[in-house]
Amino acid sequence: MSNLETILVIIGLFFNFAGCVGLIRFPDIYNRLQASTKCVTLGTALILMAVVIHFGWNSISLKALFCIVFIFLTAPTAAHAISRGSHRAGFSLWEGSVMDRYKEDYPPEARD
């Protein structure tokens, strides 16, 4: 394993670990989604890039690149859908939250 591969794996593991810690430590579902989606997406992409570098250009690398594209397209979309669904279901924001952008989507008579 080359130095670049090792560095990518270590940084990727750090981001994945930070996302997991954020998932446990943050106060509400919206902050947890933010931590887990951003960190784990980047961490997984970095680890998959190390796989691409390690195996060179072959079918394994092509699959890893497809996985990176798939993760970058689906993870933010899924986090947005979960967040919006949670808001519509009535999960409240943390009391320290500054603004509620989803509240603007409701008609004025449905707002608090």
PDB file of N, CA and C in Angstrom:
ATOM      1  N   MET A   1       0.852  -1.174   0.000  1.00  0.00           N
ATOM      2  CA  MET A   1       0.000   0.000   0.000  1.00  0.00           C
ATOM      3  C   MET A   1       0.898   1.239   0.000  1.00  0.00           C
ATOM      4  N   SER A   2       0.608   2.169  -0.898  1.00  0.00           N
ATOM      5  CA  SER A   2       1.434   3.376  -0.997  1.00  0.00           C
ATOM      6  C   SER A   2       1.049   4.384   0.080  1.00  0.00           C
ATOM      7  N   ASN A   3       1.869   5.422   0.175  1.00  0.00           N
ATOM      8  CA  ASN A   3       1.614   6.467   1.170  1.00  0.00           C
ATOM      9  C   ASN A   3       0.304   7.203   0.898  1.00  0.00           C
ATOM     10  N   LEU A   4       0.015   7.457  -0.371  1.00  0.00           N
ATOM     11  CA  LEU A   4      -1.219   8.164  -0.713  1.00  0.00           C
ATOM     12  C   LEU A   4      -2.444   7.342  -0.325  1.00  0.00           C
ATOM     13  N   GLU A   5      -2.390   6.053  -0.591  1.00  0.00           N
ATOM     14  CA  GLU A   5      -3.509   5.176  -0.213  1.00  0.00           C
ATOM     15  C   GLU A   5      -3.708   5.174   1.298  1.00  0.00           C
ATOM     16  N   THR A   6      -2.617   5.092   2.025  1.00  0.00           N
ATOM     17  CA  THR A   6      -2.685   5.085   3.486  1.00  0.00           C
ATOM     18  C   THR A   6      -3.275   6.383   4.009  1.00  0.00           C
ATOM     19  N   ILE A   7      -2.838   7.493   3.452  1.00  0.00           N
ATOM     20  CA  ILE A   7      -3.355   8.797   3.873  1.00  0.00           C
ATOM     21  C   ILE A   7      -4.850   8.907   3.576  1.00  0.00           C
ATOM     22  N   LEU A   8      -5.270   8.471   2.393  1.00  0.00           N
ATOM     23  CA  LEU A   8      -6.692   8.530   2.048  1.00  0.00           C
ATOM     24  C   LEU A   8      -7.539   7.662   2.973  1.00  0.00           C
ATOM     25  N   VAL A   9      -7.057   6.476   3.291  1.00  0.00           N
ATOM     26  CA  VAL A   9      -7.807   5.589   4.188  1.00  0.00           C
ATOM     27  C   VAL A   9      -7.888   6.188   5.588  1.00  0.00           C
ATOM     28  N   ILE A  10      -6.796   6.726   6.090  1.00  0.00           N
ATOM     29  CA  ILE A  10      -6.800   7.308   7.437  1.00  0.00           C
ATOM     30  C   ILE A  10      -7.726   8.516   7.501  1.00  0.00           C
ATOM     31  N   ILE A  11      -7.664   9.399   6.514  1.00  0.00           N
ATOM     32  CA  ILE A  11      -8.554  10.559   6.506  1.00  0.00           C
ATOM     33  C   ILE A  11     -10.004  10.107   6.347  1.00  0.00           C
ATOM     34  N   GLY A  12     -10.247   9.120   5.487  1.00  0.00           N
ATOM     35  CA  GLY A  12     -11.594   8.598   5.320  1.00  0.00           C
ATOM     36  C   GLY A  12     -12.141   7.991   6.602  1.00  0.00           C
ATOM     37  N   LEU A  13     -11.308   7.226   7.308  1.00  0.00           N
ATOM     38  CA  LEU A  13     -11.726   6.656   8.584  1.00  0.00           C
ATOM     39  C   LEU A  13     -12.002   7.738   9.620  1.00  0.00           C
ATOM     40  N   PHE A  14     -11.187   8.794   9.616  1.00  0.00           N
ATOM     41  CA  PHE A  14     -11.431   9.909  10.531  1.00  0.00           C
ATOM     42  C   PHE A  14     -12.795  10.545  10.273  1.00  0.00           C
ATOM     43  N   PHE A  15     -13.117  10.803   8.999  1.00  0.00           N
ATOM     44  CA  PHE A  15     -14.405  11.411   8.682  1.00  0.00           C
ATOM     45  C   PHE A  15     -15.562  10.474   9.017  1.00  0.00           C
ATOM     46  N   ASN A  16     -15.407   9.198   8.747  1.00  0.00           N
ATOM     47  CA  ASN A  16     -16.455   8.242   9.111  1.00  0.00           C
ATOM     48  C   ASN A  16     -16.643   8.193  10.625  1.00  0.00           C
ATOM     49  N   PHE A  17     -15.551   8.191  11.368  1.00  0.00           N
ATOM     50  CA  PHE A  17     -15.641   8.188  12.826  1.00  0.00           C
ATOM     51  C   PHE A  17     -16.299   9.466  13.337  1.00  0.00           C
ATOM     52  N   ALA A  18     -15.920  10.616  12.766  1.00  0.00           N
ATOM     53  CA  ALA A  18     -16.527  11.886  13.184  1.00  0.00           C
ATOM     54  C   ALA A  18     -18.028  11.897  12.898  1.00  0.00           C
ATOM     55  N   GLY A  19     -18.435  11.337  11.766  1.00  0.00           N
ATOM     56  CA  GLY A  19     -19.856  11.251  11.456  1.00  0.00           C
ATOM     57  C   GLY A  19     -20.604  10.368  12.437  1.00  0.00           C
ATOM     58  N   CYS A  20     -19.982   9.276  12.842  1.00  0.00           N
ATOM     59  CA  CYS A  20     -20.610   8.383  13.827  1.00  0.00           C
ATOM     60  C   CYS A  20     -20.718   9.053  15.193  1.00  0.00           C
ATOM     61  N   VAL A  21     -19.682   9.776  15.587  1.00  0.00           N
ATOM     62  CA  VAL A  21     -19.733  10.498  16.856  1.00  0.00           C
ATOM     63  C   VAL A  21     -20.821  11.580  16.806  1.00  0.00           C
ATOM     64  N   GLY A  22     -20.918  12.288  15.684  1.00  0.00           N
ATOM     65  CA  GLY A  22     -21.970  13.294  15.535  1.00  0.00           C
ATOM     66  C   GLY A  22     -23.350  12.681  15.576  1.00  0.00           C
ATOM     67  N   LEU A  23     -23.491  11.500  15.033  1.00  0.00           N
ATOM     68  CA  LEU A  23     -24.769  10.801  15.057  1.00  0.00           C
ATOM     69  C   LEU A  23     -25.185  10.482  16.481  1.00  0.00           C
ATOM     70  N   ILE A  24     -24.230  10.208  17.334  1.00  0.00           N
ATOM     71  CA  ILE A  24     -24.538   9.885  18.730  1.00  0.00           C
ATOM     72  C   ILE A  24     -24.682  11.144  19.579  1.00  0.00           C
ATOM     73  N   ARG A  25     -23.846  12.140  19.353  1.00  0.00           N
ATOM     74  CA  ARG A  25     -23.748  13.275  20.272  1.00  0.00           C
ATOM     75  C   ARG A  25     -24.661  14.455  19.970  1.00  0.00           C
ATOM     76  N   PHE A  26     -25.060  14.662  18.738  1.00  0.00           N
ATOM     77  CA  PHE A  26     -25.839  15.851  18.419  1.00  0.00           C
ATOM     78  C   PHE A  26     -27.259  15.744  18.956  1.00  0.00           C
ATOM     79  N   PRO A  27     -27.891  16.899  19.231  1.00  0.00           N
ATOM     80  CA  PRO A  27     -29.125  16.898  20.014  1.00  0.00           C
ATOM     81  C   PRO A  27     -30.411  16.515  19.280  1.00  0.00           C
ATOM     82  N   ASP A  28     -30.517  16.760  17.997  1.00  0.00           N
ATOM     83  CA  ASP A  28     -31.784  16.448  17.318  1.00  0.00           C
ATOM     84  C   ASP A  28     -31.512  15.767  15.980  1.00  0.00           C
ATOM     85  N   ILE A  29     -32.573  15.296  15.361  1.00  0.00           N
ATOM     86  CA  ILE A  29     -32.448  14.517  14.124  1.00  0.00           C
ATOM     87  C   ILE A  29     -31.828  15.332  12.995  1.00  0.00           C
ATOM     88  N   TYR A  30     -32.094  16.618  12.963  1.00  0.00           N
ATOM     89  CA  TYR A  30     -31.597  17.463  11.870  1.00  0.00           C
ATOM     90  C   TYR A  30     -30.087  17.647  11.956  1.00  0.00           C
ATOM     91  N   ASN A  31     -29.579  17.902  13.157  1.00  0.00           N
ATOM     92  CA  ASN A  31     -28.125  18.014  13.338  1.00  0.00           C
ATOM     93  C   ASN A  31     -27.442  16.676  13.118  1.00  0.00           C
ATOM     94  N   ARG A  32     -28.071  15.602  13.541  1.00  0.00           N
ATOM     95  CA  ARG A  32     -27.500  14.274  13.343  1.00  0.00           C
ATOM     96  C   ARG A  32     -27.402  13.930  11.857  1.00  0.00           C
ATOM     97  N   LEU A  33     -28.430  14.269  11.110  1.00  0.00           N
ATOM     98  CA  LEU A  33     -28.386  14.029   9.668  1.00  0.00           C
ATOM     99  C   LEU A  33     -27.268  14.829   9.014  1.00  0.00           C
ATOM    100  N   GLN A  34     -27.095  16.055   9.453  1.00  0.00           N
ATOM    101  CA  GLN A  34     -26.037  16.897   8.901  1.00  0.00           C
ATOM    102  C   GLN A  34     -24.671  16.263   9.124  1.00  0.00           C
ATOM    103  N   ALA A  35     -24.425  15.831  10.349  1.00  0.00           N
ATOM    104  CA  ALA A  35     -23.121  15.246  10.666  1.00  0.00           C
ATOM    105  C   ALA A  35     -22.897  13.947   9.922  1.00  0.00           C
ATOM    106  N   SER A  36     -23.872  13.086   9.982  1.00  0.00           N
ATOM    107  CA  SER A  36     -23.663  11.771   9.384  1.00  0.00           C
ATOM    108  C   SER A  36     -23.577  11.841   7.862  1.00  0.00           C
ATOM    109  N   THR A  37     -24.406  12.651   7.241  1.00  0.00           N
ATOM    110  CA  THR A  37     -24.412  12.707   5.782  1.00  0.00           C
ATOM    111  C   THR A  37     -23.118  13.307   5.235  1.00  0.00           C
ATOM    112  N   LYS A  38     -22.732  14.442   5.734  1.00  0.00           N
ATOM    113  CA  LYS A  38     -21.543  15.115   5.199  1.00  0.00           C
ATOM    114  C   LYS A  38     -20.274  14.313   5.469  1.00  0.00           C
ATOM    115  N   CYS A  39     -20.082  13.934   6.719  1.00  0.00           N
ATOM    116  CA  CYS A  39     -18.834  13.259   7.091  1.00  0.00           C
ATOM    117  C   CYS A  39     -18.721  11.872   6.476  1.00  0.00           C
ATOM    118  N   VAL A  40     -19.770  11.093   6.579  1.00  0.00           N
ATOM    119  CA  VAL A  40     -19.689   9.719   6.099  1.00  0.00           C
ATOM    120  C   VAL A  40     -19.608   9.673   4.569  1.00  0.00           C
ATOM    121  N   THR A  41     -20.260  10.601   3.889  1.00  0.00           N
ATOM    122  CA  THR A  41     -20.153  10.659   2.429  1.00  0.00           C
ATOM    123  C   THR A  41     -18.717  10.934   2.008  1.00  0.00           C
ATOM    124  N   LEU A  42     -18.095  11.916   2.611  1.00  0.00           N
ATOM    125  CA  LEU A  42     -16.707  12.241   2.267  1.00  0.00           C
ATOM    126  C   LEU A  42     -15.764  11.123   2.689  1.00  0.00           C
ATOM    127  N   GLY A  43     -15.948  10.581   3.887  1.00  0.00           N
ATOM    128  CA  GLY A  43     -15.075   9.521   4.365  1.00  0.00           C
ATOM    129  C   GLY A  43     -15.128   8.281   3.491  1.00  0.00           C
ATOM    130  N   THR A  44     -16.329   7.879   3.122  1.00  0.00           N
ATOM    131  CA  THR A  44     -16.477   6.710   2.269  1.00  0.00           C
ATOM    132  C   THR A  44     -15.892   6.955   0.885  1.00  0.00           C
ATOM    133  N   ALA A  45     -16.087   8.151   0.356  1.00  0.00           N
ATOM    134  CA  ALA A  45     -15.516   8.478  -0.954  1.00  0.00           C
ATOM    135  C   ALA A  45     -13.989   8.432  -0.910  1.00  0.00           C
ATOM    136  N   LEU A  46     -13.391   8.911   0.152  1.00  0.00           N
ATOM    137  CA  LEU A  46     -11.928   8.871   0.258  1.00  0.00           C
ATOM    138  C   LEU A  46     -11.411   7.441   0.349  1.00  0.00           C
ATOM    139  N   ILE A  47     -12.101   6.606   1.100  1.00  0.00           N
ATOM    140  CA  ILE A  47     -11.687   5.205   1.192  1.00  0.00           C
ATOM    141  C   ILE A  47     -11.823   4.518  -0.170  1.00  0.00           C
ATOM    142  N   LEU A  48     -12.892   4.811  -0.875  1.00  0.00           N
ATOM    143  CA  LEU A  48     -13.070   4.222  -2.203  1.00  0.00           C
ATOM    144  C   LEU A  48     -12.031   4.750  -3.194  1.00  0.00           C
ATOM    145  N   MET A  49     -11.609   5.999  -3.030  1.00  0.00           N
ATOM    146  CA  MET A  49     -10.532   6.514  -3.887  1.00  0.00           C
ATOM    147  C   MET A  49      -9.222   5.780  -3.607  1.00  0.00           C
ATOM    148  N   ALA A  50      -8.983   5.411  -2.355  1.00  0.00           N
ATOM    149  CA  ALA A  50      -7.798   4.609  -2.034  1.00  0.00           C
ATOM    150  C   ALA A  50      -7.876   3.245  -2.713  1.00  0.00           C
ATOM    151  N   VAL A  51      -9.081   2.690  -2.799  1.00  0.00           N
ATOM    152  CA  VAL A  51      -9.271   1.416  -3.506  1.00  0.00           C
ATOM    153  C   VAL A  51      -8.931   1.580  -4.983  1.00  0.00           C
ATOM    154  N   VAL A  52      -9.388   2.684  -5.580  1.00  0.00           N
ATOM    155  CA  VAL A  52      -9.100   2.945  -6.998  1.00  0.00           C
ATOM    156  C   VAL A  52      -7.590   3.041  -7.222  1.00  0.00           C
ATOM    157  N   ILE A  53      -6.906   3.762  -6.359  1.00  0.00           N
ATOM    158  CA  ILE A  53      -5.462   3.920  -6.509  1.00  0.00           C
ATOM    159  C   ILE A  53      -4.751   2.582  -6.295  1.00  0.00           C
ATOM    160  N   HIS A  54      -5.204   1.824  -5.330  1.00  0.00           N
ATOM    161  CA  HIS A  54      -4.547   0.548  -5.014  1.00  0.00           C
ATOM    162  C   HIS A  54      -4.665  -0.471  -6.150  1.00  0.00           C
ATOM    163  N   PHE A  55      -5.832  -0.585  -6.748  1.00  0.00           N
ATOM    164  CA  PHE A  55      -6.046  -1.616  -7.767  1.00  0.00           C
ATOM    165  C   PHE A  55      -5.747  -1.151  -9.187  1.00  0.00           C
ATOM    166  N   GLY A  56      -5.480   0.122  -9.376  1.00  0.00           N
ATOM    167  CA  GLY A  56      -5.225   0.605 -10.733  1.00  0.00           C
ATOM    168  C   GLY A  56      -6.519   0.657 -11.536  1.00  0.00           C
ATOM    169  N   TRP A  57      -6.391   0.684 -12.830  1.00  0.00           N
ATOM    170  CA  TRP A  57      -7.579   0.825 -13.690  1.00  0.00           C
ATOM    171  C   TRP A  57      -8.061  -0.555 -14.113  1.00  0.00           C
ATOM    172  N   ASN A  58      -9.096  -1.065 -13.436  1.00  0.00           N
ATOM    173  CA  ASN A  58      -9.711  -2.339 -13.796  1.00  0.00           C
ATOM    174  C   ASN A  58     -11.176  -2.319 -13.346  1.00  0.00           C
ATOM    175  N   SER A  59     -11.811  -3.469 -13.349  1.00  0.00           N
ATOM    176  CA  SER A  59     -13.242  -3.510 -13.038  1.00  0.00           C
ATOM    177  C   SER A  59     -13.530  -3.140 -11.582  1.00  0.00           C
ATOM    178  N   ILE A  60     -12.628  -3.465 -10.677  1.00  0.00           N
ATOM    179  CA  ILE A  60     -12.821  -3.097  -9.273  1.00  0.00           C
ATOM    180  C   ILE A  60     -12.811  -1.582  -9.122  1.00  0.00           C
ATOM    181  N   SER A  61     -11.882  -0.919  -9.785  1.00  0.00           N
ATOM    182  CA  SER A  61     -11.808   0.541  -9.716  1.00  0.00           C
ATOM    183  C   SER A  61     -13.035   1.192 -10.334  1.00  0.00           C
ATOM    184  N   LEU A  62     -13.503   0.623 -11.423  1.00  0.00           N
ATOM    185  CA  LEU A  62     -14.696   1.165 -12.064  1.00  0.00           C
ATOM    186  C   LEU A  62     -15.900   1.053 -11.130  1.00  0.00           C
ATOM    187  N   LYS A  63     -16.026  -0.071 -10.453  1.00  0.00           N
ATOM    188  CA  LYS A  63     -17.119  -0.244  -9.489  1.00  0.00           C
ATOM    189  C   LYS A  63     -16.985   0.727  -8.325  1.00  0.00           C
ATOM    190  N   ALA A  64     -15.770   0.951  -7.864  1.00  0.00           N
ATOM    191  CA  ALA A  64     -15.545   1.902  -6.776  1.00  0.00           C
ATOM    192  C   ALA A  64     -15.918   3.322  -7.203  1.00  0.00           C
ATOM    193  N   LEU A  65     -15.576   3.686  -8.435  1.00  0.00           N
ATOM    194  CA  LEU A  65     -15.941   5.014  -8.937  1.00  0.00           C
ATOM    195  C   LEU A  65     -17.464   5.159  -9.072  1.00  0.00           C
ATOM    196  N   PHE A  66     -18.124   4.105  -9.541  1.00  0.00           N
ATOM    197  CA  PHE A  66     -19.589   4.138  -9.606  1.00  0.00           C
ATOM    198  C   PHE A  66     -20.194   4.277  -8.206  1.00  0.00           C
ATOM    199  N   CYS A  67     -19.595   3.611  -7.240  1.00  0.00           N
ATOM    200  CA  CYS A  67     -20.080   3.732  -5.856  1.00  0.00           C
ATOM    201  C   CYS A  67     -19.916   5.157  -5.333  1.00  0.00           C
ATOM    202  N   ILE A  68     -18.797   5.793  -5.657  1.00  0.00           N
ATOM    203  CA  ILE A  68     -18.587   7.181  -5.237  1.00  0.00           C
ATOM    204  C   ILE A  68     -19.663   8.081  -5.824  1.00  0.00           C
ATOM    205  N   VAL A  69     -19.911   7.953  -7.115  1.00  0.00           N
ATOM    206  CA  VAL A  69     -20.940   8.774  -7.764  1.00  0.00           C
ATOM    207  C   VAL A  69     -22.307   8.493  -7.142  1.00  0.00           C
ATOM    208  N   PHE A  70     -22.618   7.221  -6.923  1.00  0.00           N
ATOM    209  CA  PHE A  70     -23.900   6.842  -6.341  1.00  0.00           C
ATOM    210  C   PHE A  70     -24.062   7.442  -4.946  1.00  0.00           C
ATOM    211  N   ILE A  71     -23.020   7.369  -4.128  1.00  0.00           N
ATOM    212  CA  ILE A  71     -23.094   7.907  -2.774  1.00  0.00           C
ATOM    213  C   ILE A  71     -23.251   9.421  -2.802  1.00  0.00           C
ATOM    214  N   PHE A  72     -22.521  10.099  -3.671  1.00  0.00           N
ATOM    215  CA  PHE A  72     -22.633  11.556  -3.749  1.00  0.00           C
ATOM    216  C   PHE A  72     -23.996  12.004  -4.253  1.00  0.00           C
ATOM    217  N   LEU A  73     -24.657  11.188  -5.044  1.00  0.00           N
ATOM    218  CA  LEU A  73     -25.987  11.551  -5.524  1.00  0.00           C
ATOM    219  C   LEU A  73     -27.095  11.184  -4.546  1.00  0.00           C
ATOM    220  N   THR A  74     -26.972  10.063  -3.873  1.00  0.00           N
ATOM    221  CA  THR A  74     -28.088   9.576  -3.057  1.00  0.00           C
ATOM    222  C   THR A  74     -28.046  10.011  -1.596  1.00  0.00           C
ATOM    223  N   ALA A  75     -26.877  10.133  -1.003  1.00  0.00           N
ATOM    224  CA  ALA A  75     -26.811  10.460   0.423  1.00  0.00           C
ATOM    225  C   ALA A  75     -27.425  11.834   0.746  1.00  0.00           C
ATOM    226  N   PRO A  76     -27.080  12.903   0.035  1.00  0.00           N
ATOM    227  CA  PRO A  76     -27.723  14.181   0.337  1.00  0.00           C
ATOM    228  C   PRO A  76     -29.225  14.175   0.041  1.00  0.00           C
ATOM    229  N   THR A  77     -29.623  13.482  -1.012  1.00  0.00           N
ATOM    230  CA  THR A  77     -31.042  13.402  -1.346  1.00  0.00           C
ATOM    231  C   THR A  77     -31.812  12.661  -0.264  1.00  0.00           C
ATOM    232  N   ALA A  78     -31.265  11.565   0.208  1.00  0.00           N
ATOM    233  CA  ALA A  78     -31.922  10.804   1.272  1.00  0.00           C
ATOM    234  C   ALA A  78     -31.978  11.606   2.567  1.00  0.00           C
ATOM    235  N   ALA A  79     -30.906  12.313   2.901  1.00  0.00           N
ATOM    236  CA  ALA A  79     -30.900  13.126   4.118  1.00  0.00           C
ATOM    237  C   ALA A  79     -31.945  14.234   4.033  1.00  0.00           C
ATOM    238  N   HIS A  80     -32.082  14.847   2.875  1.00  0.00           N
ATOM    239  CA  HIS A  80     -33.097  15.886   2.699  1.00  0.00           C
ATOM    240  C   HIS A  80     -34.495  15.302   2.853  1.00  0.00           C
ATOM    241  N   ALA A  81     -34.736  14.139   2.260  1.00  0.00           N
ATOM    242  CA  ALA A  81     -36.056  13.515   2.360  1.00  0.00           C
ATOM    243  C   ALA A  81     -36.374  13.128   3.800  1.00  0.00           C
ATOM    244  N   ILE A  82     -35.403  12.581   4.512  1.00  0.00           N
ATOM    245  CA  ILE A  82     -35.623  12.211   5.910  1.00  0.00           C
ATOM    246  C   ILE A  82     -35.870  13.450   6.757  1.00  0.00           C
ATOM    247  N   SER A  83     -35.101  14.498   6.515  1.00  0.00           N
ATOM    248  CA  SER A  83     -35.259  15.733   7.269  1.00  0.00           C
ATOM    249  C   SER A  83     -36.624  16.373   7.033  1.00  0.00           C
ATOM    250  N   ARG A  84     -37.016  16.442   5.796  1.00  0.00           N
ATOM    251  CA  ARG A  84     -38.315  17.037   5.470  1.00  0.00           C
ATOM    252  C   ARG A  84     -39.463  16.186   6.022  1.00  0.00           C
ATOM    253  N   GLY A  85     -39.353  14.880   5.921  1.00  0.00           N
ATOM    254  CA  GLY A  85     -40.362  13.994   6.478  1.00  0.00           C
ATOM    255  C   GLY A  85     -40.444  14.112   7.991  1.00  0.00           C
ATOM    256  N   SER A  86     -39.294  14.254   8.641  1.00  0.00           N
ATOM    257  CA  SER A  86     -39.278  14.428  10.093  1.00  0.00           C
ATOM    258  C   SER A  86     -39.943  15.735  10.494  1.00  0.00           C
ATOM    259  N   HIS A  87     -39.686  16.783   9.724  1.00  0.00           N
ATOM    260  CA  HIS A  87     -40.299  18.074  10.025  1.00  0.00           C
ATOM    261  C   HIS A  87     -41.812  18.014   9.853  1.00  0.00           C
ATOM    262  N   ARG A  88     -42.247  17.392   8.787  1.00  0.00           N
ATOM    263  CA  ARG A  88     -43.691  17.262   8.557  1.00  0.00           C
ATOM    264  C   ARG A  88     -44.357  16.370   9.596  1.00  0.00           C
ATOM    265  N   ALA A  89     -43.618  15.390  10.120  1.00  0.00           N
ATOM    266  CA  ALA A  89     -44.170  14.500  11.142  1.00  0.00           C
ATOM    267  C   ALA A  89     -44.210  15.170  12.517  1.00  0.00           C
ATOM    268  N   GLY A  90     -43.567  16.319  12.642  1.00  0.00           N
ATOM    269  CA  GLY A  90     -43.655  17.073  13.886  1.00  0.00           C
ATOM    270  C   GLY A  90     -42.468  16.951  14.817  1.00  0.00           C
ATOM    271  N   PHE A  91     -41.362  16.409  14.348  1.00  0.00           N
ATOM    272  CA  PHE A  91     -40.172  16.356  15.194  1.00  0.00           C
ATOM    273  C   PHE A  91     -39.636  17.772  15.357  1.00  0.00           C
ATOM    274  N   SER A  92     -39.528  18.205  16.605  1.00  0.00           N
ATOM    275  CA  SER A  92     -39.135  19.586  16.851  1.00  0.00           C
ATOM    276  C   SER A  92     -37.629  19.767  16.704  1.00  0.00           C
ATOM    277  N   LEU A  93     -37.263  21.007  16.427  1.00  0.00           N
ATOM    278  CA  LEU A  93     -35.860  21.367  16.346  1.00  0.00           C
ATOM    279  C   LEU A  93     -35.313  21.512  17.759  1.00  0.00           C
ATOM    280  N   TRP A  94     -34.018  21.424  17.873  1.00  0.00           N
ATOM    281  CA  TRP A  94     -33.345  21.654  19.139  1.00  0.00           C
ATOM    282  C   TRP A  94     -33.606  23.092  19.556  1.00  0.00           C
ATOM    283  N   GLU A  95     -33.754  23.332  20.865  1.00  0.00           N
ATOM    284  CA  GLU A  95     -34.075  24.681  21.340  1.00  0.00           C
ATOM    285  C   GLU A  95     -32.991  25.697  21.015  1.00  0.00           C
ATOM    286  N   GLY A  96     -31.794  25.268  20.731  1.00  0.00           N
ATOM    287  CA  GLY A  96     -30.712  26.163  20.354  1.00  0.00           C
ATOM    288  C   GLY A  96     -30.646  26.456  18.862  1.00  0.00           C
ATOM    289  N   SER A  97     -31.549  25.889  18.079  1.00  0.00           N
ATOM    290  CA  SER A  97     -31.557  26.143  16.629  1.00  0.00           C
ATOM    291  C   SER A  97     -31.945  27.592  16.357  1.00  0.00           C
ATOM    292  N   VAL A  98     -31.339  28.168  15.357  1.00  0.00           N
ATOM    293  CA  VAL A  98     -31.533  29.580  15.062  1.00  0.00           C
ATOM    294  C   VAL A  98     -32.678  29.811  14.080  1.00  0.00           C
ATOM    295  N   MET A  99     -32.818  28.971  13.064  1.00  0.00           N
ATOM    296  CA  MET A  99     -33.869  29.187  12.073  1.00  0.00           C
ATOM    297  C   MET A  99     -34.455  27.868  11.612  1.00  0.00           C
ATOM    298  N   ASP A 100     -35.654  27.976  11.063  1.00  0.00           N
ATOM    299  CA  ASP A 100     -36.380  26.811  10.568  1.00  0.00           C
ATOM    300  C   ASP A 100     -36.786  27.102   9.125  1.00  0.00           C
ATOM    301  N   ARG A 101     -35.980  26.662   8.176  1.00  0.00           N
ATOM    302  CA  ARG A 101     -36.255  26.932   6.758  1.00  0.00           C
ATOM    303  C   ARG A 101     -37.461  26.155   6.242  1.00  0.00           C
ATOM    304  N   TYR A 102     -37.732  24.988   6.800  1.00  0.00           N
ATOM    305  CA  TYR A 102     -38.874  24.207   6.343  1.00  0.00           C
ATOM    306  C   TYR A 102     -40.195  24.871   6.708  1.00  0.00           C
ATOM    307  N   LYS A 103     -40.196  25.657   7.760  1.00  0.00           N
ATOM    308  CA  LYS A 103     -41.417  26.324   8.191  1.00  0.00           C
ATOM    309  C   LYS A 103     -41.935  27.276   7.114  1.00  0.00           C
ATOM    310  N   GLU A 104     -41.028  27.812   6.302  1.00  0.00           N
ATOM    311  CA  GLU A 104     -41.405  28.731   5.230  1.00  0.00           C
ATOM    312  C   GLU A 104     -42.203  28.034   4.133  1.00  0.00           C
ATOM    313  N   ASP A 105     -42.117  26.710   4.049  1.00  0.00           N
ATOM    314  CA  ASP A 105     -42.825  25.963   2.992  1.00  0.00           C
ATOM    315  C   ASP A 105     -44.316  25.809   3.286  1.00  0.00           C
ATOM    316  N   TYR A 106     -44.692  25.992   4.546  1.00  0.00           N
ATOM    317  CA  TYR A 106     -46.113  25.828   4.901  1.00  0.00           C
ATOM    318  C   TYR A 106     -46.878  27.111   4.626  1.00  0.00           C
ATOM    319  N   PRO A 107     -48.166  26.997   4.318  1.00  0.00           N
ATOM    320  CA  PRO A 107     -48.977  28.208   4.149  1.00  0.00           C
ATOM    321  C   PRO A 107     -49.064  28.978   5.482  1.00  0.00           C
ATOM    322  N   PRO A 108     -49.313  30.288   5.433  1.00  0.00           N
ATOM    323  CA  PRO A 108     -49.327  31.102   6.661  1.00  0.00           C
ATOM    324  C   PRO A 108     -50.304  30.586   7.720  1.00  0.00           C
ATOM    325  N   GLU A 109     -51.455  30.054   7.331  1.00  0.00           N
ATOM    326  CA  GLU A 109     -52.430  29.593   8.320  1.00  0.00           C
ATOM    327  C   GLU A 109     -51.975  28.307   9.011  1.00  0.00           C
ATOM    328  N   ALA A 110     -51.044  27.566   8.423  1.00  0.00           N
ATOM    329  CA  ALA A 110     -50.568  26.327   9.030  1.00  0.00           C
ATOM    330  C   ALA A 110     -49.357  26.553   9.920  1.00  0.00           C
ATOM    331  N   ARG A 111     -48.775  27.755   9.896  1.00  0.00           N
ATOM    332  CA  ARG A 111     -47.598  28.055  10.709  1.00  0.00           C
ATOM    333  C   ARG A 111     -48.002  28.289  12.153  1.00  0.00           C
ATOM    334  N   ASP A 112     -47.053  28.059  13.069  1.00  0.00           N
ATOM    335  CA  ASP A 112     -47.311  28.308  14.502  1.00  0.00           C
ATOM    336  C   ASP A 112     -47.463  29.777  14.777  1.00  0.00           C
TER     337      ASP A 112
END
